[in-house]
N, C-alpha and C. Protein backbone atom coordinates (compact mmCIF):
# COMPACT_ATOMS: atom_id res chain seq x y z
N MET A 1 -28.32 -4.66 -26.24
CA MET A 1 -28.16 -3.23 -26.02
C MET A 1 -29.52 -2.56 -26.09
N ARG A 2 -29.75 -1.63 -25.17
CA ARG A 2 -31.02 -0.92 -25.09
C ARG A 2 -31.09 0.23 -26.09
N LYS A 3 -32.30 0.50 -26.52
CA LYS A 3 -32.50 1.68 -27.35
C LYS A 3 -32.35 2.91 -26.48
N GLU A 4 -31.75 3.96 -27.01
CA GLU A 4 -31.51 5.17 -26.22
C GLU A 4 -32.79 5.91 -25.84
N ASN A 5 -33.86 5.70 -26.62
CA ASN A 5 -35.10 6.39 -26.30
C ASN A 5 -36.12 5.48 -25.63
N SER A 6 -35.69 4.30 -25.18
CA SER A 6 -36.59 3.42 -24.46
C SER A 6 -36.90 4.01 -23.09
N THR A 7 -38.04 3.63 -22.54
CA THR A 7 -38.43 4.13 -21.22
C THR A 7 -37.38 3.78 -20.18
N ASN A 8 -36.87 2.56 -20.23
CA ASN A 8 -35.86 2.11 -19.27
C ASN A 8 -34.60 2.97 -19.37
N SER A 9 -34.16 3.23 -20.57
CA SER A 9 -32.96 4.05 -20.77
C SER A 9 -33.18 5.49 -20.31
N LEU A 10 -34.34 6.04 -20.63
CA LEU A 10 -34.64 7.41 -20.21
C LEU A 10 -34.74 7.51 -18.69
N ASN A 11 -35.35 6.51 -18.05
CA ASN A 11 -35.43 6.51 -16.58
C ASN A 11 -34.05 6.41 -15.95
N GLU A 12 -33.19 5.59 -16.53
CA GLU A 12 -31.83 5.45 -16.01
C GLU A 12 -31.08 6.77 -16.10
N LYS A 13 -31.18 7.44 -17.25
CA LYS A 13 -30.51 8.73 -17.42
C LYS A 13 -31.03 9.75 -16.41
N GLN A 14 -32.34 9.77 -16.19
CA GLN A 14 -32.93 10.71 -15.23
C GLN A 14 -32.42 10.43 -13.82
N LEU A 15 -32.39 9.15 -13.44
CA LEU A 15 -31.94 8.78 -12.10
C LEU A 15 -30.47 9.14 -11.91
N ARG A 16 -29.63 8.86 -12.92
CA ARG A 16 -28.22 9.21 -12.82
C ARG A 16 -28.02 10.70 -12.67
N GLY A 17 -28.86 11.47 -13.32
CA GLY A 17 -28.74 12.93 -13.25
C GLY A 17 -29.21 13.49 -11.93
N ASP A 18 -30.15 12.83 -11.28
CA ASP A 18 -30.75 13.34 -10.05
C ASP A 18 -30.12 12.80 -8.77
N CYS A 19 -29.52 11.63 -8.85
CA CYS A 19 -29.08 10.95 -7.63
C CYS A 19 -27.58 10.66 -7.67
N GLY A 20 -26.85 11.21 -6.71
CA GLY A 20 -25.40 10.99 -6.66
C GLY A 20 -25.04 9.54 -6.43
N VAL A 21 -25.82 8.85 -5.61
CA VAL A 21 -25.54 7.43 -5.34
C VAL A 21 -25.69 6.62 -6.63
N ALA A 22 -26.76 6.88 -7.37
CA ALA A 22 -26.98 6.16 -8.63
C ALA A 22 -25.84 6.43 -9.61
N HIS A 23 -25.41 7.68 -9.67
CA HIS A 23 -24.31 8.02 -10.58
C HIS A 23 -23.03 7.29 -10.17
N THR A 24 -22.73 7.30 -8.86
CA THR A 24 -21.54 6.61 -8.37
C THR A 24 -21.59 5.13 -8.71
N LEU A 25 -22.76 4.52 -8.50
CA LEU A 25 -22.88 3.09 -8.78
C LEU A 25 -22.76 2.77 -10.27
N THR A 26 -23.14 3.71 -11.15
CA THR A 26 -22.93 3.46 -12.57
C THR A 26 -21.44 3.44 -12.90
N LEU A 27 -20.65 4.19 -12.13
CA LEU A 27 -19.21 4.24 -12.37
C LEU A 27 -18.47 3.05 -11.77
N ILE A 28 -18.85 2.66 -10.55
CA ILE A 28 -18.08 1.61 -9.86
C ILE A 28 -18.90 0.37 -9.55
N GLY A 29 -20.15 0.34 -10.00
CA GLY A 29 -21.01 -0.80 -9.71
C GLY A 29 -20.58 -2.04 -10.47
N GLY A 30 -21.05 -3.16 -10.01
CA GLY A 30 -20.73 -4.41 -10.66
C GLY A 30 -19.86 -5.27 -9.77
N ARG A 31 -19.52 -6.40 -10.28
CA ARG A 31 -18.80 -7.40 -9.49
C ARG A 31 -17.32 -7.08 -9.33
N TRP A 32 -16.70 -6.49 -10.34
CA TRP A 32 -15.24 -6.40 -10.36
C TRP A 32 -14.65 -5.01 -10.20
N LYS A 33 -15.37 -3.99 -10.57
CA LYS A 33 -14.79 -2.64 -10.55
C LYS A 33 -14.30 -2.21 -9.16
N PRO A 34 -15.09 -2.42 -8.09
CA PRO A 34 -14.56 -2.03 -6.78
C PRO A 34 -13.27 -2.77 -6.42
N THR A 35 -13.18 -4.03 -6.79
CA THR A 35 -11.98 -4.81 -6.50
C THR A 35 -10.78 -4.28 -7.28
N ILE A 36 -10.99 -3.95 -8.54
CA ILE A 36 -9.91 -3.39 -9.36
C ILE A 36 -9.42 -2.08 -8.75
N LEU A 37 -10.37 -1.21 -8.40
CA LEU A 37 -10.00 0.07 -7.79
C LEU A 37 -9.27 -0.14 -6.47
N TRP A 38 -9.75 -1.09 -5.67
CA TRP A 38 -9.13 -1.40 -4.37
C TRP A 38 -7.69 -1.83 -4.56
N ARG A 39 -7.45 -2.70 -5.55
CA ARG A 39 -6.08 -3.17 -5.80
C ARG A 39 -5.17 -2.03 -6.24
N LEU A 40 -5.71 -1.12 -7.05
CA LEU A 40 -4.89 -0.01 -7.57
C LEU A 40 -4.64 1.09 -6.54
N LEU A 41 -5.31 1.03 -5.40
CA LEU A 41 -5.02 2.00 -4.34
C LEU A 41 -3.59 1.88 -3.85
N ASP A 42 -3.00 0.68 -4.00
CA ASP A 42 -1.62 0.46 -3.56
C ASP A 42 -0.59 0.99 -4.55
N GLY A 43 -1.04 1.41 -5.72
CA GLY A 43 -0.11 1.96 -6.71
C GLY A 43 -0.25 1.28 -8.07
N LYS A 44 0.63 1.64 -8.97
CA LYS A 44 0.61 1.11 -10.34
C LYS A 44 0.71 -0.41 -10.33
N MET A 45 -0.01 -1.01 -11.28
CA MET A 45 0.08 -2.46 -11.45
C MET A 45 0.06 -2.79 -12.93
N ARG A 46 0.85 -3.78 -13.28
CA ARG A 46 0.81 -4.29 -14.64
C ARG A 46 -0.43 -5.17 -14.79
N TYR A 47 -0.85 -5.37 -16.02
CA TYR A 47 -2.05 -6.15 -16.30
C TYR A 47 -1.99 -7.52 -15.63
N ASN A 48 -0.89 -8.24 -15.83
CA ASN A 48 -0.79 -9.60 -15.27
C ASN A 48 -0.80 -9.61 -13.75
N GLU A 49 -0.19 -8.59 -13.13
CA GLU A 49 -0.23 -8.49 -11.67
C GLU A 49 -1.67 -8.31 -11.19
N LEU A 50 -2.38 -7.45 -11.89
CA LEU A 50 -3.76 -7.19 -11.55
C LEU A 50 -4.61 -8.46 -11.72
N LYS A 51 -4.40 -9.13 -12.83
CA LYS A 51 -5.14 -10.37 -13.12
C LYS A 51 -4.89 -11.41 -12.03
N LYS A 52 -3.65 -11.60 -11.64
CA LYS A 52 -3.31 -12.59 -10.62
C LYS A 52 -3.85 -12.23 -9.25
N SER A 53 -4.00 -10.93 -8.99
CA SER A 53 -4.45 -10.49 -7.67
C SER A 53 -5.97 -10.59 -7.49
N ILE A 54 -6.70 -10.83 -8.59
CA ILE A 54 -8.17 -10.89 -8.52
C ILE A 54 -8.61 -12.30 -8.92
N THR A 55 -8.86 -13.11 -7.94
CA THR A 55 -9.25 -14.49 -8.17
C THR A 55 -10.61 -14.57 -8.85
N GLY A 56 -10.67 -15.33 -9.93
CA GLY A 56 -11.94 -15.61 -10.59
C GLY A 56 -12.32 -14.71 -11.74
N ILE A 57 -11.59 -13.64 -11.98
CA ILE A 57 -11.94 -12.74 -13.09
C ILE A 57 -11.33 -13.28 -14.39
N SER A 58 -12.12 -13.24 -15.45
CA SER A 58 -11.61 -13.69 -16.74
C SER A 58 -10.85 -12.55 -17.41
N GLU A 59 -10.00 -12.90 -18.36
CA GLU A 59 -9.23 -11.87 -19.08
C GLU A 59 -10.15 -10.92 -19.81
N ARG A 60 -11.18 -11.46 -20.44
CA ARG A 60 -12.12 -10.63 -21.21
C ARG A 60 -12.80 -9.62 -20.30
N VAL A 61 -13.29 -10.07 -19.16
CA VAL A 61 -14.00 -9.18 -18.24
C VAL A 61 -13.04 -8.14 -17.68
N LEU A 62 -11.83 -8.55 -17.32
CA LEU A 62 -10.86 -7.60 -16.80
C LEU A 62 -10.57 -6.50 -17.81
N VAL A 63 -10.36 -6.87 -19.06
CA VAL A 63 -10.10 -5.88 -20.11
C VAL A 63 -11.28 -4.93 -20.25
N LEU A 64 -12.51 -5.48 -20.27
CA LEU A 64 -13.69 -4.63 -20.41
C LEU A 64 -13.84 -3.67 -19.23
N GLN A 65 -13.64 -4.18 -18.02
CA GLN A 65 -13.78 -3.34 -16.83
C GLN A 65 -12.70 -2.26 -16.79
N LEU A 66 -11.47 -2.62 -17.17
CA LEU A 66 -10.40 -1.62 -17.21
C LEU A 66 -10.71 -0.53 -18.22
N ARG A 67 -11.25 -0.90 -19.38
CA ARG A 67 -11.61 0.09 -20.40
C ARG A 67 -12.68 1.04 -19.89
N GLU A 68 -13.71 0.46 -19.22
CA GLU A 68 -14.78 1.30 -18.69
C GLU A 68 -14.26 2.26 -17.62
N LEU A 69 -13.43 1.75 -16.72
CA LEU A 69 -12.86 2.60 -15.68
C LEU A 69 -11.98 3.69 -16.28
N GLU A 70 -11.27 3.35 -17.34
CA GLU A 70 -10.43 4.35 -18.02
C GLU A 70 -11.30 5.40 -18.71
N ASN A 71 -12.35 4.96 -19.40
CA ASN A 71 -13.25 5.89 -20.08
C ASN A 71 -13.96 6.82 -19.09
N ASP A 72 -14.21 6.33 -17.88
CA ASP A 72 -14.87 7.14 -16.86
C ASP A 72 -13.88 8.02 -16.09
N GLY A 73 -12.59 7.93 -16.42
CA GLY A 73 -11.59 8.80 -15.82
C GLY A 73 -11.13 8.38 -14.44
N LEU A 74 -11.38 7.13 -14.06
CA LEU A 74 -10.98 6.66 -12.73
C LEU A 74 -9.60 6.02 -12.73
N ILE A 75 -9.18 5.46 -13.85
CA ILE A 75 -7.84 4.89 -13.95
C ILE A 75 -7.17 5.42 -15.21
N LYS A 76 -5.85 5.27 -15.21
CA LYS A 76 -5.05 5.70 -16.35
C LYS A 76 -4.24 4.50 -16.83
N ARG A 77 -4.18 4.33 -18.13
CA ARG A 77 -3.41 3.26 -18.76
C ARG A 77 -2.12 3.87 -19.27
N ILE A 78 -1.00 3.32 -18.82
CA ILE A 78 0.31 3.83 -19.23
C ILE A 78 0.98 2.78 -20.10
N ILE A 79 1.31 3.17 -21.33
CA ILE A 79 1.95 2.24 -22.26
C ILE A 79 3.41 2.67 -22.41
N TYR A 80 4.32 1.73 -22.14
CA TYR A 80 5.75 2.00 -22.29
C TYR A 80 6.19 1.45 -23.64
N PRO A 81 6.85 2.27 -24.46
CA PRO A 81 7.26 1.83 -25.79
C PRO A 81 8.49 0.92 -25.73
N GLU A 82 8.27 -0.29 -25.31
CA GLU A 82 9.34 -1.28 -25.19
C GLU A 82 8.96 -2.50 -26.01
N VAL A 83 9.89 -3.39 -26.17
CA VAL A 83 9.61 -4.67 -26.82
C VAL A 83 9.92 -5.77 -25.81
N PRO A 84 8.95 -6.55 -25.39
CA PRO A 84 7.51 -6.42 -25.67
C PRO A 84 6.93 -5.22 -24.92
N PRO A 85 5.80 -4.71 -25.42
CA PRO A 85 5.21 -3.53 -24.79
C PRO A 85 4.81 -3.81 -23.34
N ARG A 86 5.02 -2.82 -22.50
CA ARG A 86 4.65 -2.94 -21.09
C ARG A 86 3.53 -1.95 -20.82
N VAL A 87 2.46 -2.44 -20.17
CA VAL A 87 1.32 -1.59 -19.85
C VAL A 87 1.09 -1.65 -18.35
N GLU A 88 0.89 -0.48 -17.76
CA GLU A 88 0.57 -0.39 -16.34
C GLU A 88 -0.73 0.40 -16.18
N TYR A 89 -1.39 0.14 -15.08
CA TYR A 89 -2.62 0.86 -14.75
C TYR A 89 -2.42 1.53 -13.40
N GLU A 90 -2.96 2.75 -13.27
CA GLU A 90 -2.93 3.43 -11.99
C GLU A 90 -4.18 4.28 -11.86
N LEU A 91 -4.51 4.62 -10.63
CA LEU A 91 -5.66 5.47 -10.39
C LEU A 91 -5.34 6.91 -10.79
N THR A 92 -6.32 7.57 -11.34
CA THR A 92 -6.21 9.01 -11.58
C THR A 92 -6.49 9.71 -10.26
N SER A 93 -6.40 11.03 -10.24
CA SER A 93 -6.73 11.75 -9.01
C SER A 93 -8.20 11.54 -8.66
N LEU A 94 -9.05 11.44 -9.67
CA LEU A 94 -10.48 11.15 -9.43
C LEU A 94 -10.64 9.77 -8.81
N GLY A 95 -9.90 8.79 -9.32
CA GLY A 95 -9.94 7.45 -8.75
C GLY A 95 -9.41 7.44 -7.32
N GLN A 96 -8.33 8.18 -7.07
CA GLN A 96 -7.76 8.27 -5.72
C GLN A 96 -8.77 8.87 -4.75
N SER A 97 -9.60 9.78 -5.24
CA SER A 97 -10.57 10.43 -4.36
C SER A 97 -11.63 9.45 -3.85
N MET A 98 -11.67 8.26 -4.40
CA MET A 98 -12.64 7.25 -3.96
C MET A 98 -12.11 6.37 -2.83
N GLU A 99 -10.90 6.63 -2.36
CA GLU A 99 -10.29 5.78 -1.34
C GLU A 99 -11.15 5.67 -0.09
N ASP A 100 -11.63 6.79 0.44
CA ASP A 100 -12.46 6.74 1.65
C ASP A 100 -13.74 5.96 1.41
N LEU A 101 -14.36 6.19 0.26
CA LEU A 101 -15.59 5.47 -0.08
C LEU A 101 -15.34 3.96 -0.13
N LEU A 102 -14.28 3.57 -0.80
CA LEU A 102 -13.95 2.14 -0.90
C LEU A 102 -13.62 1.55 0.46
N GLN A 103 -12.92 2.32 1.31
CA GLN A 103 -12.60 1.83 2.66
C GLN A 103 -13.87 1.64 3.48
N HIS A 104 -14.79 2.58 3.39
CA HIS A 104 -16.06 2.45 4.11
C HIS A 104 -16.86 1.25 3.59
N MET A 105 -16.86 1.04 2.29
CA MET A 105 -17.55 -0.12 1.72
C MET A 105 -16.92 -1.41 2.23
N SER A 106 -15.60 -1.45 2.29
CA SER A 106 -14.90 -2.63 2.77
C SER A 106 -15.22 -2.88 4.24
N ASP A 107 -15.16 -1.84 5.05
CA ASP A 107 -15.45 -1.98 6.48
C ASP A 107 -16.88 -2.47 6.70
N TRP A 108 -17.83 -1.91 5.95
CA TRP A 108 -19.22 -2.31 6.09
C TRP A 108 -19.38 -3.78 5.68
N GLY A 109 -18.73 -4.17 4.59
CA GLY A 109 -18.82 -5.55 4.12
C GLY A 109 -18.28 -6.54 5.15
N VAL A 110 -17.16 -6.20 5.78
CA VAL A 110 -16.58 -7.08 6.81
C VAL A 110 -17.54 -7.19 7.99
N MET A 111 -18.09 -6.04 8.42
CA MET A 111 -19.04 -6.05 9.53
C MET A 111 -20.28 -6.88 9.20
N HIS A 112 -20.83 -6.68 8.01
CA HIS A 112 -22.04 -7.40 7.62
C HIS A 112 -21.77 -8.90 7.52
N ARG A 113 -20.63 -9.27 6.99
CA ARG A 113 -20.29 -10.69 6.86
C ARG A 113 -20.24 -11.35 8.24
N LYS A 114 -19.65 -10.64 9.21
CA LYS A 114 -19.59 -11.19 10.59
C LYS A 114 -20.98 -11.33 11.17
N MET A 115 -21.82 -10.30 10.98
CA MET A 115 -23.19 -10.35 11.51
C MET A 115 -23.98 -11.47 10.85
N ALA A 116 -23.84 -11.62 9.55
CA ALA A 116 -24.56 -12.67 8.83
C ALA A 116 -24.08 -14.05 9.27
N SER A 117 -22.79 -14.17 9.51
CA SER A 117 -22.24 -15.45 9.97
C SER A 117 -22.81 -15.82 11.34
N LYS A 118 -22.89 -14.84 12.24
CA LYS A 118 -23.46 -15.09 13.57
C LYS A 118 -24.93 -15.45 13.47
N ALA A 119 -25.67 -14.74 12.61
CA ALA A 119 -27.09 -15.02 12.44
C ALA A 119 -27.30 -16.42 11.88
N ASN A 120 -26.49 -16.82 10.92
CA ASN A 120 -26.59 -18.16 10.35
C ASN A 120 -26.26 -19.23 11.38
N ALA A 121 -25.27 -18.96 12.23
CA ALA A 121 -24.91 -19.91 13.28
C ALA A 121 -26.06 -20.04 14.27
N ALA A 122 -26.69 -18.93 14.61
CA ALA A 122 -27.82 -18.96 15.54
C ALA A 122 -29.00 -19.74 14.95
N LYS A 123 -29.26 -19.54 13.66
CA LYS A 123 -30.33 -20.30 12.99
C LYS A 123 -30.03 -21.78 13.00
N ALA A 124 -28.78 -22.14 12.73
CA ALA A 124 -28.40 -23.55 12.72
C ALA A 124 -28.59 -24.17 14.09
N LEU A 125 -28.25 -23.44 15.16
CA LEU A 125 -28.45 -23.94 16.52
C LEU A 125 -29.93 -24.12 16.83
N ALA A 126 -30.74 -23.15 16.38
CA ALA A 126 -32.18 -23.23 16.62
C ALA A 126 -32.79 -24.42 15.91
N VAL A 127 -32.37 -24.67 14.69
CA VAL A 127 -32.85 -25.82 13.93
C VAL A 127 -32.39 -27.12 14.59
N ALA A 128 -31.16 -27.15 15.03
CA ALA A 128 -30.63 -28.35 15.68
C ALA A 128 -31.35 -28.61 17.00
N GLY A 129 -31.73 -27.54 17.70
CA GLY A 129 -32.43 -27.68 18.97
C GLY A 129 -33.83 -28.22 18.80
N LYS A 130 -34.46 -27.96 17.64
CA LYS A 130 -35.83 -28.45 17.36
C LYS A 130 -35.84 -29.93 17.04
N ASN A 131 -34.73 -30.46 16.61
CA ASN A 131 -34.67 -31.88 16.20
C ASN A 131 -34.42 -32.77 17.34
């Protein structure tokens, strides 16, 4: 954990305050948060449903990411007083407002993946042609 008065920490706070992109990335950046938000765009999900829908995420990381998203006001945790307890997660209105952003990110990622795949295929052909 960084000291709050370290140069790195102070620079990060300044950047978050000045730049909307940096602030957005502090909220949804990382490997799993966009995927969690994307899954919740379809509606409420129980923890196990969410876990099964995201290949490769560990339980510990999922719990941590859900807590951070909840603390940032992007998702809501609903606890039903049943035995055994049932917990569901859903996007808040703030989280819902990210739908267009997430869709654009998804579209860009699909486009880039296709372009990268074509570029890699072209490189492979060029290398094969030299041999």
